[in-house]
Amino acid sequence: ATASSDEPVAAGEAADVAGLVEVHRLVEVLRATKARKRRVQTAAAEFNRKPGKGTGALVRAGILAEGAAPVEVAAALRATAAIDKAALGEFLSLPDPKEGPHFHKETLDAFVSGFDFAAYRIDEALRIFLQAFRLPGEAQKIDRVMEAFAGAYYHANPDPFYHQDACYVLAFSIIMLNTDLHSTKIAAENKMTLPSFWRQAEGINGSTDLPQEMLTTIYHAIKGDEIRMLGGGEEASLSRAGWRHLGGGEGGGGAGGGGASV
């Protein structure tokens, strides 16, 4: 009788011990989680201060392995929300040495390939893309980023484009259109018209013009809903870079040539 009466007590004590073990385990998990969060925040702060040396901070925090491949770096950058969008844009657009590995280009390409552009028109894809980070202010850096975007978009949507360069130039045309239509510095009568946008796209697709219906849809989409870029100061640099690609040289002002919008 004594043994059987002791059994519930023993079972209760075992349950209490198991409960304490679980509590201790949860406390350790919580401590480890907090410690990792502090390491990530510290690494992100260092990355934000010096984007060019940012991967070293991520390695020290255990976010990246030493010698991580570009695709692994791109994944870590996407997953680390504490990294500032401006610092991310600076890092992604860094140049590679003329002689040597193309680490930054490959990281940029891997980062851009993480977007699924297949279901989107080019202006829609561009809108999503430009919200992922802040574009740098230098024209050469903007070129690198836009070239990577054009390559990824063309890979996902080869039709109706003759080659990747057509996506590249059209993307700049869309940015110029966006700046032109929504800039308060350009008078209403000088805004780019739909026919002007059509003319701007002539000859960029090899021997075949881009479908006018597609260009019309893009024009009205941009006119009705401005593409707002992070930081708000990149439009001028983008437009100057785009102007060069469209054969206009350096210069500015409205590209619309006047006339009423269609």
Protein backbone atom coordinates (compact mmCIF):
# COMPACT_ATOMS: atom_id res chain seq x y z
CA ALA A 1 0.00 0.00 0.00
CA THR A 2 2.88 2.29 0.81
CA ALA A 3 4.53 1.72 -2.58
CA SER A 4 1.36 2.46 -4.49
CA SER A 5 0.72 5.64 -2.51
CA ASP A 6 4.23 6.84 -3.34
CA GLU A 7 3.77 6.39 -7.09
CA PRO A 8 1.67 9.56 -7.68
CA VAL A 9 4.22 11.59 -5.69
CA ALA A 10 7.11 10.21 -7.76
CA ALA A 11 5.25 10.88 -10.97
CA GLY A 12 4.51 14.44 -9.85
CA GLU A 13 8.14 15.05 -8.99
CA ALA A 14 9.24 13.73 -12.38
CA ALA A 15 6.78 16.07 -14.09
CA ASP A 16 8.12 18.98 -12.05
CA VAL A 17 11.69 18.14 -13.04
CA ALA A 18 10.72 17.84 -16.71
CA GLY A 19 8.96 21.18 -16.48
CA LEU A 20 12.04 22.85 -14.98
CA VAL A 21 14.24 21.38 -17.70
CA GLU A 22 11.91 22.76 -20.38
CA VAL A 23 11.88 26.19 -18.72
CA HIS A 24 15.70 26.24 -18.63
CA ARG A 25 15.82 25.16 -22.26
CA LEU A 26 13.46 27.96 -23.30
CA VAL A 27 15.50 30.48 -21.32
CA GLU A 28 18.67 29.40 -23.12
CA VAL A 29 16.94 29.61 -26.49
CA LEU A 30 15.72 33.12 -25.62
CA ARG A 31 19.19 34.19 -24.54
CA ALA A 32 20.74 32.79 -27.72
CA THR A 33 18.10 34.54 -29.84
CA LYS A 34 18.74 37.87 -28.12
CA ALA A 35 22.50 37.45 -28.48
CA ARG A 36 22.15 36.71 -32.19
CA LYS A 37 19.86 39.71 -32.62
CA ARG A 38 22.48 41.94 -30.99
CA ARG A 39 25.19 40.52 -33.26
CA VAL A 40 23.04 41.11 -36.34
CA GLN A 41 22.24 44.68 -35.30
CA THR A 42 25.90 45.42 -34.62
CA ALA A 43 26.93 43.92 -37.97
CA ALA A 44 24.21 45.83 -39.81
CA ALA A 45 25.28 49.10 -38.18
CA GLU A 46 28.86 48.47 -39.29
CA PHE A 47 27.66 47.55 -42.80
CA ASN A 48 25.62 50.77 -42.94
CA ARG A 49 28.67 52.87 -42.00
CA LYS A 50 31.03 51.21 -44.50
CA PRO A 51 29.13 49.23 -47.17
CA GLY A 52 32.35 48.45 -49.05
CA LYS A 53 33.65 46.46 -46.09
CA GLY A 54 30.26 45.26 -44.93
CA THR A 55 30.67 41.56 -45.68
CA GLY A 56 33.42 41.34 -43.06
CA ALA A 57 30.96 42.50 -40.41
CA LEU A 58 28.43 39.91 -41.54
CA VAL A 59 31.07 37.18 -41.30
CA ARG A 60 32.07 38.21 -37.78
CA ALA A 61 28.42 38.13 -36.74
CA GLY A 62 28.00 34.60 -38.06
CA ILE A 63 25.53 35.72 -40.72
CA LEU A 64 27.92 34.73 -43.50
CA ALA A 65 30.64 32.12 -43.71
CA GLU A 66 34.17 33.20 -44.58
CA GLY A 67 34.55 33.21 -48.36
CA ALA A 68 30.79 32.99 -48.97
CA ALA A 69 29.72 32.79 -52.60
CA PRO A 70 27.93 35.79 -54.19
CA VAL A 71 24.58 33.98 -54.14
CA GLU A 72 24.98 33.42 -50.38
CA VAL A 73 25.88 37.07 -49.84
CA ALA A 74 22.83 38.18 -51.83
CA ALA A 75 20.58 35.93 -49.73
CA ALA A 76 22.04 37.32 -46.50
CA LEU A 77 21.51 40.89 -47.67
CA ARG A 78 17.87 40.13 -48.43
CA ALA A 79 17.37 38.46 -45.05
CA THR A 80 19.02 41.14 -42.91
CA ALA A 81 16.31 43.76 -42.49
CA ALA A 82 18.52 46.03 -40.34
CA ILE A 83 20.74 46.85 -43.33
CA ASP A 84 19.93 50.38 -44.50
CA LYS A 85 18.47 50.63 -48.00
CA ALA A 86 20.99 53.30 -49.01
CA ALA A 87 23.92 51.19 -47.82
CA LEU A 88 22.50 48.19 -49.66
CA GLY A 89 22.31 50.18 -52.89
CA GLU A 90 25.90 51.37 -52.46
CA PHE A 91 27.16 47.84 -51.88
CA LEU A 92 25.28 46.30 -54.80
CA SER A 93 26.59 48.92 -57.22
CA LEU A 94 30.25 48.72 -56.23
CA PRO A 95 32.67 48.13 -59.14
CA ASP A 96 34.92 45.12 -59.49
CA PRO A 97 38.63 45.42 -60.31
CA LYS A 98 39.39 45.27 -64.01
CA GLU A 99 41.60 42.25 -63.43
CA GLY A 100 40.21 39.71 -61.01
CA PRO A 101 36.97 38.15 -59.77
CA HIS A 102 33.64 39.79 -60.47
CA PHE A 103 32.34 39.39 -56.94
CA HIS A 104 30.20 42.52 -56.80
CA LYS A 105 28.66 42.00 -60.23
CA GLU A 106 27.84 38.40 -59.39
CA THR A 107 26.34 39.44 -56.05
CA LEU A 108 24.23 42.10 -57.77
CA ASP A 109 23.08 39.59 -60.40
CA ALA A 110 22.21 37.08 -57.66
CA PHE A 111 20.30 39.73 -55.71
CA VAL A 112 18.29 40.79 -58.77
CA SER A 113 17.59 37.18 -59.76
CA GLY A 114 15.75 36.84 -56.45
CA PHE A 115 12.89 38.86 -57.94
CA ASP A 116 10.22 37.07 -59.95
CA PHE A 117 9.48 39.45 -62.81
CA ALA A 118 7.68 36.93 -65.01
CA ALA A 119 4.16 38.13 -64.19
CA TYR A 120 4.89 41.86 -64.53
CA ARG A 121 5.13 44.52 -67.22
CA ILE A 122 8.51 46.21 -67.23
CA ASP A 123 7.22 49.35 -65.49
CA GLU A 124 5.58 47.21 -62.78
CA ALA A 125 8.79 45.23 -62.30
CA LEU A 126 10.81 48.44 -62.15
CA ARG A 127 8.46 49.85 -59.52
CA ILE A 128 8.96 46.76 -57.31
CA PHE A 129 12.72 46.71 -57.93
CA LEU A 130 13.27 50.34 -56.95
CA GLN A 131 11.56 49.82 -53.60
CA ALA A 132 14.03 47.11 -52.52
CA PHE A 133 16.93 49.52 -51.97
CA ARG A 134 17.94 53.10 -52.55
CA LEU A 135 19.76 53.77 -55.79
CA PRO A 136 23.17 55.42 -55.47
CA GLY A 137 23.64 58.90 -56.85
CA GLU A 138 26.48 58.22 -59.30
CA ALA A 139 25.60 57.58 -62.93
CA GLN A 140 28.07 54.68 -63.33
CA LYS A 141 26.63 52.91 -60.29
CA ILE A 142 23.10 53.48 -61.57
CA ASP A 143 24.14 51.97 -64.90
CA ARG A 144 25.35 48.79 -63.20
CA VAL A 145 22.13 48.36 -61.26
CA MET A 146 19.90 49.09 -64.24
CA GLU A 147 21.89 46.72 -66.45
CA ALA A 148 21.36 43.94 -63.89
CA PHE A 149 17.64 44.74 -63.77
CA ALA A 150 17.40 44.65 -67.57
CA GLY A 151 19.15 41.29 -67.72
CA ALA A 152 16.85 39.73 -65.14
CA TYR A 153 13.72 41.18 -66.72
CA TYR A 154 14.71 40.05 -70.21
CA HIS A 155 15.46 36.55 -68.92
CA ALA A 156 11.94 36.36 -67.44
CA ASN A 157 10.17 38.16 -70.32
CA PRO A 158 12.05 37.83 -73.63
CA ASP A 159 8.98 38.71 -75.67
CA PRO A 160 8.60 41.28 -77.25
CA PHE A 161 12.18 42.38 -76.75
CA TYR A 162 14.79 41.73 -79.41
CA HIS A 163 17.63 41.77 -76.87
CA GLN A 164 18.47 42.78 -73.31
CA ASP A 165 19.58 46.25 -74.39
CA ALA A 166 16.00 47.06 -75.37
CA CYS A 167 14.89 46.41 -71.77
CA TYR A 168 17.80 48.49 -70.55
CA VAL A 169 16.96 51.54 -72.63
CA LEU A 170 13.20 51.22 -72.09
CA ALA A 171 13.75 51.13 -68.33
CA PHE A 172 15.62 54.44 -68.56
CA SER A 173 12.86 55.81 -70.80
CA ILE A 174 10.30 54.93 -68.13
CA ILE A 175 12.35 56.68 -65.44
CA MET A 176 12.64 59.76 -67.64
CA LEU A 177 8.90 59.65 -68.28
CA ASN A 178 8.22 59.33 -64.57
CA THR A 179 10.43 62.32 -63.76
CA ASP A 180 8.99 64.39 -66.59
CA LEU A 181 5.33 63.78 -65.78
CA HIS A 182 5.63 64.25 -62.03
CA SER A 183 8.31 66.91 -61.64
CA THR A 184 6.99 70.24 -60.37
CA LYS A 185 9.86 71.93 -62.21
CA ILE A 186 8.45 71.08 -65.64
CA ALA A 187 5.50 73.16 -66.81
CA ALA A 188 2.32 71.31 -67.76
CA GLU A 189 2.60 72.38 -71.39
CA ASN A 190 6.11 70.88 -71.57
CA LYS A 191 5.25 67.50 -70.12
CA MET A 192 6.03 64.47 -72.25
CA THR A 193 3.10 63.42 -74.38
CA LEU A 194 2.17 59.90 -75.40
CA PRO A 195 3.34 60.42 -79.02
CA SER A 196 6.63 61.77 -77.65
CA PHE A 197 7.02 58.63 -75.56
CA TRP A 198 6.31 56.50 -78.62
CA ARG A 199 8.98 58.38 -80.58
CA GLN A 200 11.48 58.02 -77.75
CA ALA A 201 11.10 54.24 -77.92
CA GLU A 202 11.63 54.05 -81.68
CA GLY A 203 14.69 52.10 -82.78
CA ILE A 204 15.56 50.64 -79.38
CA ASN A 205 14.34 47.13 -80.22
CA GLY A 206 16.52 46.24 -83.16
CA SER A 207 14.65 46.18 -86.45
CA THR A 208 11.25 45.79 -84.77
CA ASP A 209 9.46 48.52 -82.83
CA LEU A 210 8.03 47.72 -79.42
CA PRO A 211 4.25 47.27 -79.45
CA GLN A 212 2.53 50.64 -79.30
CA GLU A 213 -0.22 49.18 -77.14
CA MET A 214 2.34 48.17 -74.51
CA LEU A 215 3.96 51.60 -74.57
CA THR A 216 0.56 53.27 -74.23
CA THR A 217 -0.29 51.14 -71.20
CA ILE A 218 3.06 52.00 -69.62
CA TYR A 219 2.57 55.72 -70.28
CA HIS A 220 -0.83 55.86 -68.62
CA ALA A 221 0.31 53.68 -65.71
CA ILE A 222 3.18 56.08 -64.96
CA LYS A 223 1.02 59.14 -65.48
CA GLY A 224 -1.59 57.82 -63.06
CA ASP A 225 0.79 56.50 -60.41
CA GLU A 226 4.25 57.97 -59.91
CA ILE A 227 7.15 55.61 -59.23
CA ARG A 228 8.43 56.84 -55.88
CA MET A 229 12.02 55.89 -55.23
CA LEU A 230 13.51 55.54 -51.77
CA GLY A 231 15.27 58.72 -50.73
CA GLY A 232 13.52 60.84 -53.33
CA GLY A 233 16.69 62.35 -54.82
CA GLU A 234 17.70 59.81 -57.44
CA GLU A 235 15.35 60.86 -60.22
CA ALA A 236 17.65 63.60 -61.53
CA SER A 237 20.67 61.29 -61.71
CA LEU A 238 18.59 58.59 -63.36
CA SER A 239 17.25 60.99 -65.93
CA ARG A 240 20.70 62.33 -66.79
CA ALA A 241 21.99 58.78 -67.19
CA GLY A 242 18.94 57.88 -69.26
CA TRP A 243 19.34 60.92 -71.46
CA ARG A 244 22.81 59.73 -72.46
CA HIS A 245 21.52 56.26 -73.32
CA LEU A 246 18.84 57.76 -75.52
CA GLY A 247 21.38 59.76 -77.49
CA GLY A 248 20.58 63.13 -75.97
CA GLY A 249 23.97 63.78 -74.44
CA GLU A 250 24.14 65.69 -71.17
CA GLY A 251 21.24 67.95 -70.60
CA GLY A 252 17.89 68.15 -69.01
CA GLY A 253 14.54 69.70 -69.11
CA GLY A 254 11.35 68.21 -70.36
CA ALA A 255 11.67 65.73 -73.15
CA GLY A 256 8.09 65.99 -74.16
CA GLY A 257 8.39 68.75 -76.68
CA GLY A 258 5.11 70.28 -75.63
CA GLY A 259 1.61 69.46 -76.74
CA ALA A 260 -1.34 68.10 -74.89
CA SER A 261 -1.09 64.72 -73.27
CA VAL A 262 -3.02 61.97 -74.94
